[in-house]
Structure formats: structure tokens, C-alpha cells
Amino acid sequence: MSNTQEVTKQTEAGAQGRPQAREAGYTLVPPVDIFEDADGVSLVLDMPGVTKDRLRIEAEREALVVEGEAAINVPDGIEPAYAEIRSTRYRRSFTLTSELDADRIEASLKDGVLSLRIPKRAELKPRRIEVQAA
């Protein structure tokens, strides 16, 4: 696993169809840890600086998309002398298998760490059959 952050550059078609870079047009692919157990799958994404109101999670059919924006809030009347990052966008998508129940996804965000829990469908979970003596 690489210790560098993946970056995708967003572009818009400019004059004569040539791409032009948009201001703050970089999107980071946040690192994720994925854990699976008998009841479902857990995802833990690192998205520093993202708040709940700047986070969007969508699950549709077989796709899960996580997007967020981190911004450094500068008080009015103050101009930063130096800022490498003023705004950072995060985006990551996942393919969901049919055994996962996308309607019951739970999400929590704490200190820039997004935790998602996707349970397995009840009818597809392994179950133990009791054998009764006759």
C-alpha cells in the first residue's frame, strides 16, 4: 500500500474543447480501511477537515459514493499570509455487492474520520439450524 495520497484533477472543457483547470480543482481520494465480519462491512475513511455539513454520502443500487470538502475558515477581514491548502475535496466510490443492505447504512464522523457500517442482508446471513431429537 502506498503512503501517498491519490489525486485526481478535475477539468472543464474550455475554448475549442481543451480542458482548463478549475480553481481548487483537485480531488483527493481518501485512504480507507475495510473490515468484514459475519454481520456486515465497516469502512473507515480519513477525511481531515471535513465537517458533517460538508459531507455527502449516496448509496444507489450497487454504488456507494462518499464526497466531502474541507475548508479552512478564515475570519472576515483577515488575509492569510501563506496557505498551501484553502479548500480540499475528497471523493471515493465503492461497488456494493448484492449481499449488502444499502438501505441500512450507518455513518458517523468524528475528528475527520468517517466510519460507515453496511450490514449484510438478513436473508443472506449464515444461520445456524437447530436439530431437534425425536
C-alpha atoms as a PDB file:
ATOM      1  CA  MET A   1       0.000   0.000   0.000  1.00  0.00           C
ATOM      2  CA  SER A   2       1.327   3.404  -0.902  1.00  0.00           C
ATOM      3  CA  ASN A   3       1.799   6.073   1.727  1.00  0.00           C
ATOM      4  CA  THR A   4       0.917   8.855  -0.715  1.00  0.00           C
ATOM      5  CA  GLN A   5      -2.490  10.332  -1.324  1.00  0.00           C
ATOM      6  CA  GLU A   6      -4.060   9.741  -4.740  1.00  0.00           C
ATOM      7  CA  VAL A   7      -5.041  12.934  -6.516  1.00  0.00           C
ATOM      8  CA  THR A   8      -7.393  13.381  -9.441  1.00  0.00           C
ATOM      9  CA  LYS A   9      -7.554  16.608 -11.363  1.00  0.00           C
ATOM     10  CA  GLN A  10     -10.999  17.880 -12.297  1.00  0.00           C
ATOM     11  CA  THR A  11     -11.154  19.761 -15.585  1.00  0.00           C
ATOM     12  CA  GLU A  12     -13.714  21.694 -17.565  1.00  0.00           C
ATOM     13  CA  ALA A  13     -13.786  21.942 -21.344  1.00  0.00           C
ATOM     14  CA  GLY A  14     -12.596  25.378 -22.326  1.00  0.00           C
ATOM     15  CA  ALA A  15     -12.393  27.106 -25.670  1.00  0.00           C
ATOM     16  CA  GLN A  16     -12.056  24.700 -28.604  1.00  0.00           C
ATOM     17  CA  GLY A  17     -12.687  21.720 -26.302  1.00  0.00           C
ATOM     18  CA  ARG A  18      -9.339  21.954 -24.493  1.00  0.00           C
ATOM     19  CA  PRO A  19      -9.505  21.180 -20.788  1.00  0.00           C
ATOM     20  CA  GLN A  20      -8.895  24.051 -18.388  1.00  0.00           C
ATOM     21  CA  ALA A  21      -8.009  23.552 -14.759  1.00  0.00           C
ATOM     22  CA  ARG A  22     -10.652  24.888 -12.387  1.00  0.00           C
ATOM     23  CA  GLU A  23      -9.676  26.839  -9.322  1.00  0.00           C
ATOM     24  CA  ALA A  24      -9.107  24.386  -6.471  1.00  0.00           C
ATOM     25  CA  GLY A  25      -9.813  21.637  -8.979  1.00  0.00           C
ATOM     26  CA  TYR A  26      -8.017  18.830  -7.200  1.00  0.00           C
ATOM     27  CA  THR A  27      -9.873  15.954  -5.629  1.00  0.00           C
ATOM     28  CA  LEU A  28      -8.146  13.683  -3.130  1.00  0.00           C
ATOM     29  CA  VAL A  29      -9.028  10.019  -2.862  1.00  0.00           C
ATOM     30  CA  PRO A  30      -9.166   9.466   0.900  1.00  0.00           C
ATOM     31  CA  PRO A  31      -7.428   6.388   2.302  1.00  0.00           C
ATOM     32  CA  VAL A  32      -9.822   3.728   3.580  1.00  0.00           C
ATOM     33  CA  ASP A  33      -9.657   0.681   5.820  1.00  0.00           C
ATOM     34  CA  ILE A  34     -12.284  -2.008   5.149  1.00  0.00           C
ATOM     35  CA  PHE A  35     -13.259  -4.684   7.651  1.00  0.00           C
ATOM     36  CA  GLU A  36     -15.717  -7.537   7.140  1.00  0.00           C
ATOM     37  CA  ASP A  37     -17.379  -9.753   9.715  1.00  0.00           C
ATOM     38  CA  ALA A  38     -20.370 -12.101   9.690  1.00  0.00           C
ATOM     39  CA  ASP A  39     -22.829  -9.207  10.072  1.00  0.00           C
ATOM     40  CA  GLY A  40     -21.507  -6.747   7.510  1.00  0.00           C
ATOM     41  CA  VAL A  41     -18.740  -4.481   6.291  1.00  0.00           C
ATOM     42  CA  SER A  42     -17.165  -1.469   8.012  1.00  0.00           C
ATOM     43  CA  LEU A  43     -15.321   1.299   6.183  1.00  0.00           C
ATOM     44  CA  VAL A  44     -13.127   3.892   7.875  1.00  0.00           C
ATOM     45  CA  LEU A  45     -12.103   6.871   5.715  1.00  0.00           C
ATOM     46  CA  ASP A  46      -9.637   9.595   6.649  1.00  0.00           C
ATOM     47  CA  MET A  47     -11.085  12.967   5.600  1.00  0.00           C
ATOM     48  CA  PRO A  48      -9.375  15.616   7.764  1.00  0.00           C
ATOM     49  CA  GLY A  49     -11.088  18.980   7.900  1.00  0.00           C
ATOM     50  CA  VAL A  50     -14.461  17.707   6.644  1.00  0.00           C
ATOM     51  CA  THR A  51     -17.490  18.610   8.744  1.00  0.00           C
ATOM     52  CA  LYS A  52     -20.920  16.979   8.746  1.00  0.00           C
ATOM     53  CA  ASP A  53     -22.478  19.803   6.708  1.00  0.00           C
ATOM     54  CA  ARG A  54     -19.805  19.452   4.006  1.00  0.00           C
ATOM     55  CA  LEU A  55     -20.162  15.676   3.692  1.00  0.00           C
ATOM     56  CA  ARG A  56     -22.337  13.810   1.188  1.00  0.00           C
ATOM     57  CA  ILE A  57     -22.883  10.053   1.150  1.00  0.00           C
ATOM     58  CA  GLU A  58     -25.057   8.440  -1.502  1.00  0.00           C
ATOM     59  CA  ALA A  59     -25.953   4.800  -1.977  1.00  0.00           C
ATOM     60  CA  GLU A  60     -27.719   3.822  -5.158  1.00  0.00           C
ATOM     61  CA  ARG A  61     -28.173   0.255  -6.347  1.00  0.00           C
ATOM     62  CA  GLU A  62     -24.646  -1.143  -6.440  1.00  0.00           C
ATOM     63  CA  ALA A  63     -22.708   2.080  -5.839  1.00  0.00           C
ATOM     64  CA  LEU A  64     -21.671   3.977  -2.731  1.00  0.00           C
ATOM     65  CA  VAL A  65     -20.208   7.456  -3.238  1.00  0.00           C
ATOM     66  CA  VAL A  66     -18.577   9.494  -0.476  1.00  0.00           C
ATOM     67  CA  GLU A  67     -17.762  13.159  -1.102  1.00  0.00           C
ATOM     68  CA  GLY A  68     -16.603  15.839   1.255  1.00  0.00           C
ATOM     69  CA  GLU A  69     -14.999  19.243   1.278  1.00  0.00           C
ATOM     70  CA  ALA A  70     -12.578  20.549   3.837  1.00  0.00           C
ATOM     71  CA  ALA A  71     -12.124  24.270   4.036  1.00  0.00           C
ATOM     72  CA  ILE A  72     -10.027  26.460   6.232  1.00  0.00           C
ATOM     73  CA  ASN A  73     -12.317  29.082   7.695  1.00  0.00           C
ATOM     74  CA  VAL A  74     -10.513  32.408   7.705  1.00  0.00           C
ATOM     75  CA  PRO A  75     -12.163  35.105   9.810  1.00  0.00           C
ATOM     76  CA  ASP A  76     -13.526  38.139   7.970  1.00  0.00           C
ATOM     77  CA  GLY A  77     -11.019  40.910   7.436  1.00  0.00           C
ATOM     78  CA  ILE A  78      -8.010  38.617   7.722  1.00  0.00           C
ATOM     79  CA  GLU A  79      -5.975  37.626   4.682  1.00  0.00           C
ATOM     80  CA  PRO A  80      -3.748  34.551   5.067  1.00  0.00           C
ATOM     81  CA  ALA A  81      -0.056  35.368   4.605  1.00  0.00           C
ATOM     82  CA  TYR A  82       0.559  31.816   3.368  1.00  0.00           C
ATOM     83  CA  ALA A  83      -1.853  28.952   2.757  1.00  0.00           C
ATOM     84  CA  GLU A  84      -0.968  25.788   0.865  1.00  0.00           C
ATOM     85  CA  ILE A  85      -4.487  24.476   1.080  1.00  0.00           C
ATOM     86  CA  ARG A  86      -7.577  26.658   1.235  1.00  0.00           C
ATOM     87  CA  SER A  87     -10.019  24.006   0.160  1.00  0.00           C
ATOM     88  CA  THR A  88      -9.694  20.277  -0.334  1.00  0.00           C
ATOM     89  CA  ARG A  89     -12.223  17.995  -1.983  1.00  0.00           C
ATOM     90  CA  TYR A  90     -12.436  14.298  -1.238  1.00  0.00           C
ATOM     91  CA  ARG A  91     -14.231  11.713  -3.357  1.00  0.00           C
ATOM     92  CA  ARG A  92     -14.284   7.938  -3.258  1.00  0.00           C
ATOM     93  CA  SER A  93     -16.687   5.419  -4.730  1.00  0.00           C
ATOM     94  CA  PHE A  94     -17.272   1.773  -3.935  1.00  0.00           C
ATOM     95  CA  THR A  95     -19.158  -1.057  -5.607  1.00  0.00           C
ATOM     96  CA  LEU A  96     -21.651  -2.756  -3.301  1.00  0.00           C
ATOM     97  CA  THR A  97     -22.403  -6.441  -3.680  1.00  0.00           C
ATOM     98  CA  SER A  98     -25.965  -7.724  -3.591  1.00  0.00           C
ATOM     99  CA  GLU A  99     -25.404  -9.299  -0.170  1.00  0.00           C
ATOM    100  CA  LEU A 100     -25.117  -5.832   1.457  1.00  0.00           C
ATOM    101  CA  ASP A 101     -28.164  -3.855   2.578  1.00  0.00           C
ATOM    102  CA  ALA A 102     -27.582  -0.312   1.267  1.00  0.00           C
ATOM    103  CA  ASP A 103     -30.844   0.888   2.849  1.00  0.00           C
ATOM    104  CA  ARG A 104     -29.442   0.351   6.342  1.00  0.00           C
ATOM    105  CA  ILE A 105     -26.040   2.051   6.073  1.00  0.00           C
ATOM    106  CA  GLU A 106     -24.989   3.870   9.248  1.00  0.00           C
ATOM    107  CA  ALA A 107     -22.449   6.707   9.213  1.00  0.00           C
ATOM    108  CA  SER A 108     -20.595   8.669  11.878  1.00  0.00           C
ATOM    109  CA  LEU A 109     -17.978  11.406  11.610  1.00  0.00           C
ATOM    110  CA  LYS A 110     -15.537  12.281  14.368  1.00  0.00           C
ATOM    111  CA  ASP A 111     -12.316  14.307  14.128  1.00  0.00           C
ATOM    112  CA  GLY A 112     -12.104  13.925  10.336  1.00  0.00           C
ATOM    113  CA  VAL A 113     -12.618  10.162  10.394  1.00  0.00           C
ATOM    114  CA  LEU A 114     -15.740   8.867   8.677  1.00  0.00           C
ATOM    115  CA  SER A 115     -16.989   5.451   9.784  1.00  0.00           C
ATOM    116  CA  LEU A 116     -19.567   3.586   7.705  1.00  0.00           C
ATOM    117  CA  ARG A 117     -21.286   0.348   8.649  1.00  0.00           C
ATOM    118  CA  ILE A 118     -23.031  -1.607   5.897  1.00  0.00           C
ATOM    119  CA  PRO A 119     -24.936  -4.617   7.237  1.00  0.00           C
ATOM    120  CA  LYS A 120     -25.441  -7.795   5.266  1.00  0.00           C
ATOM    121  CA  ARG A 121     -28.964  -8.620   4.186  1.00  0.00           C
ATOM    122  CA  ALA A 122     -30.651 -10.720   6.863  1.00  0.00           C
ATOM    123  CA  GLU A 123     -31.830 -13.342   4.382  1.00  0.00           C
ATOM    124  CA  LEU A 124     -28.259 -13.850   3.136  1.00  0.00           C
ATOM    125  CA  LYS A 125     -26.518 -14.124   6.507  1.00  0.00           C
ATOM    126  CA  PRO A 126     -25.379 -17.582   7.500  1.00  0.00           C
ATOM    127  CA  ARG A 127     -27.667 -19.050  10.109  1.00  0.00           C
ATOM    128  CA  ARG A 128     -27.399 -21.996  12.408  1.00  0.00           C
ATOM    129  CA  ILE A 129     -30.089 -24.650  12.156  1.00  0.00           C
ATOM    130  CA  GLU A 130     -31.143 -26.272  15.421  1.00  0.00           C
ATOM    131  CA  VAL A 131     -31.561 -30.024  15.243  1.00  0.00           C
ATOM    132  CA  GLN A 132     -34.221 -31.448  17.491  1.00  0.00           C
ATOM    133  CA  ALA A 133     -34.143 -35.011  18.753  1.00  0.00           C
ATOM    134  CA  ALA A 134     -37.243 -37.017  18.003  1.00  0.00           C
END
